Amino acid sequence: SAVALLILAATVGLAVALGLWPRAPVTRFCAASNNRTGFLCDDRATCIPASQVCDRASNCRNGEDEQEQLCGDLPHSLPGYLVFRCSNPKYWVYADKRCDGMNDCGDCSDEMGSSAACPLCRSDWWSCSPVLYEYCSCIPRRLCRDGIQHCLDWSDEYVC
């Protein structure tokens, strides 16, 4: 029985060494620029933003961000961490678009919805109820005092 155990251990060791033993699934989650959700390339060093996966441009050296198994049936074929589901179940956005200040879902659920859980406006943004549908509850401060109403209460022109 000791000989059988040694043979089994040697067989398993050889299978692992030769790559015949099934490996644990590769974790591709990473934090891209601005601490946004990203996709880790095969080189284990390059982290691309989630929204660059399946964008028809190879951003990873080996093109793994554009492979059919990943991009064949969007968003279902994507790993869950790359997808944010809007409040309308018909719509989704890439996870790095959540809480970016822009109304990517069309109903602001990626910025103000309970599942988005976004922090308050960043320091370079002004908090108000925007008139433009492009924004939800904050506008970039660069739009303050530009002579154009962006907030319902005109605070972007008089207070900001």
C-alpha atoms as a PDB file:
ATOM      1  CA  SER A   1       0.000   0.000   0.000  1.00  0.00           C
ATOM      2  CA  ALA A   2       2.937   2.348   0.628  1.00  0.00           C
ATOM      3  CA  VAL A   3       4.190   1.619  -2.883  1.00  0.00           C
ATOM      4  CA  ALA A   4       0.725   2.362  -4.312  1.00  0.00           C
ATOM      5  CA  LEU A   5       0.663   5.690  -2.455  1.00  0.00           C
ATOM      6  CA  LEU A   6       4.102   6.575  -3.792  1.00  0.00           C
ATOM      7  CA  ILE A   7       3.023   5.729  -7.353  1.00  0.00           C
ATOM      8  CA  LEU A   8      -0.151   7.806  -6.951  1.00  0.00           C
ATOM      9  CA  ALA A   9       1.791  10.774  -5.563  1.00  0.00           C
ATOM     10  CA  ALA A  10       4.346  10.521  -8.392  1.00  0.00           C
ATOM     11  CA  THR A  11       1.561  10.341 -10.993  1.00  0.00           C
ATOM     12  CA  VAL A  12      -0.196  13.402  -9.583  1.00  0.00           C
ATOM     13  CA  GLY A  13       3.109  15.275  -9.375  1.00  0.00           C
ATOM     14  CA  LEU A  14       3.948  14.431 -12.968  1.00  0.00           C
ATOM     15  CA  ALA A  15       0.445  15.437 -14.150  1.00  0.00           C
ATOM     16  CA  VAL A  16       0.740  18.804 -12.393  1.00  0.00           C
ATOM     17  CA  ALA A  17       4.264  19.361 -13.765  1.00  0.00           C
ATOM     18  CA  LEU A  18       3.169  18.584 -17.319  1.00  0.00           C
ATOM     19  CA  GLY A  19       0.052  20.703 -17.059  1.00  0.00           C
ATOM     20  CA  LEU A  20      -2.281  17.727 -17.435  1.00  0.00           C
ATOM     21  CA  TRP A  21      -3.992  18.294 -14.101  1.00  0.00           C
ATOM     22  CA  PRO A  22      -6.865  20.772 -14.268  1.00  0.00           C
ATOM     23  CA  ARG A  23      -5.795  24.146 -12.968  1.00  0.00           C
ATOM     24  CA  ALA A  24      -7.792  26.490 -10.826  1.00  0.00           C
ATOM     25  CA  PRO A  25      -9.658  29.078 -12.927  1.00  0.00           C
ATOM     26  CA  VAL A  26      -7.651  32.205 -13.651  1.00  0.00           C
ATOM     27  CA  THR A  27      -8.860  35.234 -11.722  1.00  0.00           C
ATOM     28  CA  ARG A  28      -8.923  38.178 -14.089  1.00  0.00           C
ATOM     29  CA  PHE A  29     -10.292  40.829 -11.718  1.00  0.00           C
ATOM     30  CA  CYS A  30      -7.958  43.780 -11.130  1.00  0.00           C
ATOM     31  CA  ALA A  31      -8.147  47.484 -10.281  1.00  0.00           C
ATOM     32  CA  ALA A  32      -7.469  49.643 -13.336  1.00  0.00           C
ATOM     33  CA  SER A  33      -6.792  53.391 -13.375  1.00  0.00           C
ATOM     34  CA  ASN A  34      -8.707  55.477 -10.824  1.00  0.00           C
ATOM     35  CA  ASN A  35      -9.339  52.252  -8.871  1.00  0.00           C
ATOM     36  CA  ARG A  36     -11.989  51.187 -11.413  1.00  0.00           C
ATOM     37  CA  THR A  37     -12.908  47.582 -12.155  1.00  0.00           C
ATOM     38  CA  GLY A  38     -10.510  46.020 -14.639  1.00  0.00           C
ATOM     39  CA  PHE A  39      -9.600  42.877 -16.585  1.00  0.00           C
ATOM     40  CA  LEU A  40      -6.192  41.259 -16.045  1.00  0.00           C
ATOM     41  CA  CYS A  41      -4.395  40.187 -19.231  1.00  0.00           C
ATOM     42  CA  ASP A  42      -2.504  36.895 -19.595  1.00  0.00           C
ATOM     43  CA  ASP A  43       0.800  38.609 -18.829  1.00  0.00           C
ATOM     44  CA  ARG A  44      -0.556  39.054 -15.251  1.00  0.00           C
ATOM     45  CA  ALA A  45       0.737  42.664 -15.282  1.00  0.00           C
ATOM     46  CA  THR A  46      -1.537  44.592 -17.678  1.00  0.00           C
ATOM     47  CA  CYS A  47      -4.894  45.636 -16.220  1.00  0.00           C
ATOM     48  CA  ILE A  48      -7.303  47.185 -18.712  1.00  0.00           C
ATOM     49  CA  PRO A  49     -10.539  49.014 -17.757  1.00  0.00           C
ATOM     50  CA  ALA A  50     -13.655  46.831 -17.937  1.00  0.00           C
ATOM     51  CA  SER A  51     -15.081  48.936 -20.773  1.00  0.00           C
ATOM     52  CA  GLN A  52     -12.110  48.004 -22.998  1.00  0.00           C
ATOM     53  CA  VAL A  53     -13.084  44.315 -22.924  1.00  0.00           C
ATOM     54  CA  CYS A  54     -14.932  43.232 -26.090  1.00  0.00           C
ATOM     55  CA  ASP A  55     -14.571  46.674 -27.680  1.00  0.00           C
ATOM     56  CA  ARG A  56     -13.262  45.157 -30.956  1.00  0.00           C
ATOM     57  CA  ALA A  57      -9.714  46.365 -30.230  1.00  0.00           C
ATOM     58  CA  SER A  58      -7.134  44.071 -28.654  1.00  0.00           C
ATOM     59  CA  ASN A  59      -5.858  45.791 -25.552  1.00  0.00           C
ATOM     60  CA  CYS A  60      -4.060  42.724 -24.173  1.00  0.00           C
ATOM     61  CA  ARG A  61      -0.899  41.524 -25.939  1.00  0.00           C
ATOM     62  CA  ASN A  62      -2.419  38.122 -26.797  1.00  0.00           C
ATOM     63  CA  GLY A  63      -5.904  39.484 -27.570  1.00  0.00           C
ATOM     64  CA  GLU A  64      -7.567  37.606 -24.713  1.00  0.00           C
ATOM     65  CA  ASP A  65      -9.835  40.605 -24.076  1.00  0.00           C
ATOM     66  CA  GLU A  66     -11.493  39.973 -27.471  1.00  0.00           C
ATOM     67  CA  GLN A  67     -11.833  36.164 -27.455  1.00  0.00           C
ATOM     68  CA  GLU A  68     -15.107  34.632 -28.660  1.00  0.00           C
ATOM     69  CA  GLN A  69     -15.746  32.798 -25.383  1.00  0.00           C
ATOM     70  CA  LEU A  70     -15.616  36.144 -23.574  1.00  0.00           C
ATOM     71  CA  CYS A  71     -17.371  38.303 -26.161  1.00  0.00           C
ATOM     72  CA  GLY A  72     -19.722  35.855 -27.879  1.00  0.00           C
ATOM     73  CA  ASP A  73     -22.948  36.682 -26.032  1.00  0.00           C
ATOM     74  CA  LEU A  74     -22.680  40.062 -24.317  1.00  0.00           C
ATOM     75  CA  PRO A  75     -23.248  40.632 -21.456  1.00  0.00           C
ATOM     76  CA  HIS A  76     -23.968  36.990 -20.526  1.00  0.00           C
ATOM     77  CA  SER A  77     -20.545  35.720 -21.596  1.00  0.00           C
ATOM     78  CA  LEU A  78     -18.710  38.312 -19.472  1.00  0.00           C
ATOM     79  CA  PRO A  79     -17.642  37.586 -15.896  1.00  0.00           C
ATOM     80  CA  GLY A  80     -20.103  39.199 -13.471  1.00  0.00           C
ATOM     81  CA  TYR A  81     -17.555  41.643 -12.041  1.00  0.00           C
ATOM     82  CA  LEU A  82     -17.285  43.360 -15.457  1.00  0.00           C
ATOM     83  CA  VAL A  83     -21.029  44.071 -15.699  1.00  0.00           C
ATOM     84  CA  PHE A  84     -23.332  46.512 -13.915  1.00  0.00           C
ATOM     85  CA  ARG A  85     -27.048  45.870 -14.450  1.00  0.00           C
ATOM     86  CA  CYS A  86     -29.166  49.007 -14.807  1.00  0.00           C
ATOM     87  CA  SER A  87     -32.505  49.236 -13.012  1.00  0.00           C
ATOM     88  CA  ASN A  88     -34.176  48.465 -16.351  1.00  0.00           C
ATOM     89  CA  PRO A  89     -33.221  44.788 -16.846  1.00  0.00           C
ATOM     90  CA  LYS A  90     -32.865  45.323 -20.607  1.00  0.00           C
ATOM     91  CA  TYR A  91     -29.803  47.521 -20.077  1.00  0.00           C
ATOM     92  CA  TRP A  92     -26.311  47.050 -18.688  1.00  0.00           C
ATOM     93  CA  VAL A  93     -23.037  48.955 -18.649  1.00  0.00           C
ATOM     94  CA  TYR A  94     -19.470  47.973 -17.955  1.00  0.00           C
ATOM     95  CA  ALA A  95     -18.697  48.044 -14.234  1.00  0.00           C
ATOM     96  CA  ASP A  96     -16.100  50.809 -14.594  1.00  0.00           C
ATOM     97  CA  LYS A  97     -18.877  53.141 -15.813  1.00  0.00           C
ATOM     98  CA  ARG A  98     -20.713  52.890 -12.465  1.00  0.00           C
ATOM     99  CA  CYS A  99     -20.283  56.016 -10.329  1.00  0.00           C
ATOM    100  CA  ASP A 100     -18.315  57.881 -13.000  1.00  0.00           C
ATOM    101  CA  GLY A 101     -20.632  60.904 -12.897  1.00  0.00           C
ATOM    102  CA  MET A 102     -22.188  60.150 -16.277  1.00  0.00           C
ATOM    103  CA  ASN A 103     -25.699  58.821 -16.918  1.00  0.00           C
ATOM    104  CA  ASP A 104     -24.674  55.642 -18.742  1.00  0.00           C
ATOM    105  CA  CYS A 105     -27.861  53.644 -17.984  1.00  0.00           C
ATOM    106  CA  GLY A 106     -30.165  56.400 -19.246  1.00  0.00           C
ATOM    107  CA  ASP A 107     -32.130  56.430 -15.985  1.00  0.00           C
ATOM    108  CA  CYS A 108     -29.247  57.367 -13.643  1.00  0.00           C
ATOM    109  CA  SER A 109     -29.384  53.957 -11.928  1.00  0.00           C
ATOM    110  CA  ASP A 110     -25.617  53.631 -12.454  1.00  0.00           C
ATOM    111  CA  GLU A 111     -25.100  56.865 -10.500  1.00  0.00           C
ATOM    112  CA  MET A 112     -27.952  57.145  -8.016  1.00  0.00           C
ATOM    113  CA  GLY A 113     -29.557  53.707  -7.772  1.00  0.00           C
ATOM    114  CA  SER A 114     -29.341  51.663  -4.585  1.00  0.00           C
ATOM    115  CA  SER A 115     -27.299  48.966  -6.322  1.00  0.00           C
ATOM    116  CA  ALA A 116     -24.829  51.584  -7.586  1.00  0.00           C
ATOM    117  CA  ALA A 117     -24.003  52.800  -4.034  1.00  0.00           C
ATOM    118  CA  CYS A 118     -22.045  55.788  -5.288  1.00  0.00           C
ATOM    119  CA  PRO A 119     -20.349  58.272  -2.971  1.00  0.00           C
ATOM    120  CA  LEU A 120     -21.364  61.932  -2.962  1.00  0.00           C
ATOM    121  CA  CYS A 121     -20.042  64.210  -5.678  1.00  0.00           C
ATOM    122  CA  ARG A 122     -16.277  64.309  -5.970  1.00  0.00           C
ATOM    123  CA  SER A 123     -14.521  67.588  -5.128  1.00  0.00           C
ATOM    124  CA  ASP A 124     -14.272  68.589  -8.788  1.00  0.00           C
ATOM    125  CA  TRP A 125     -18.064  68.219  -9.255  1.00  0.00           C
ATOM    126  CA  TRP A 126     -21.027  70.360  -8.145  1.00  0.00           C
ATOM    127  CA  SER A 127     -24.064  68.753  -6.503  1.00  0.00           C
ATOM    128  CA  CYS A 128     -27.427  69.744  -7.994  1.00  0.00           C
ATOM    129  CA  SER A 129     -30.333  68.366 -10.027  1.00  0.00           C
ATOM    130  CA  PRO A 130     -28.969  68.710 -13.554  1.00  0.00           C
ATOM    131  CA  VAL A 131     -31.076  69.782 -16.480  1.00  0.00           C
ATOM    132  CA  LEU A 132     -28.885  67.839 -18.912  1.00  0.00           C
ATOM    133  CA  TYR A 133     -29.701  64.136 -19.033  1.00  0.00           C
ATOM    134  CA  GLU A 134     -26.010  63.421 -19.513  1.00  0.00           C
ATOM    135  CA  TYR A 135     -25.524  63.940 -15.752  1.00  0.00           C
ATOM    136  CA  CYS A 136     -27.538  62.771 -12.762  1.00  0.00           C
ATOM    137  CA  SER A 137     -26.946  64.494  -9.417  1.00  0.00           C
ATOM    138  CA  CYS A 138     -23.633  66.258 -10.046  1.00  0.00           C
ATOM    139  CA  ILE A 139     -22.047  68.246 -12.847  1.00  0.00           C
ATOM    140  CA  PRO A 140     -18.354  68.867 -13.491  1.00  0.00           C
ATOM    141  CA  ARG A 141     -17.290  72.168 -11.896  1.00  0.00           C
ATOM    142  CA  ARG A 142     -15.890  73.242 -15.286  1.00  0.00           C
ATOM    143  CA  LEU A 143     -19.543  73.817 -16.293  1.00  0.00           C
ATOM    144  CA  CYS A 144     -20.078  76.292 -13.446  1.00  0.00           C
ATOM    145  CA  ARG A 145     -20.566  79.941 -14.394  1.00  0.00           C
ATOM    146  CA  ASP A 146     -20.293  79.206 -18.103  1.00  0.00           C
ATOM    147  CA  GLY A 147     -23.487  81.128 -18.953  1.00  0.00           C
ATOM    148  CA  ILE A 148     -25.489  77.932 -19.588  1.00  0.00           C
ATOM    149  CA  GLN A 149     -28.013  76.462 -17.148  1.00  0.00           C
ATOM    150  CA  HIS A 150     -27.040  72.915 -16.141  1.00  0.00           C
ATOM    151  CA  CYS A 151     -28.867  72.746 -12.791  1.00  0.00           C
ATOM    152  CA  LEU A 152     -32.631  73.125 -12.370  1.00  0.00           C
ATOM    153  CA  ASP A 153     -32.117  75.756  -9.645  1.00  0.00           C
ATOM    154  CA  TRP A 154     -29.458  77.697 -11.647  1.00  0.00           C
ATOM    155  CA  SER A 155     -26.989  77.092  -8.783  1.00  0.00           C
ATOM    156  CA  ASP A 156     -24.318  76.265 -11.347  1.00  0.00           C
ATOM    157  CA  GLU A 157     -24.444  79.877 -12.512  1.00  0.00           C
ATOM    158  CA  TYR A 158     -24.964  81.759  -9.239  1.00  0.00           C
ATOM    159  CA  VAL A 159     -23.584  79.667  -6.349  1.00  0.00           C
ATOM    160  CA  CYS A 160     -21.095  77.171  -7.717  1.00  0.00           C
END
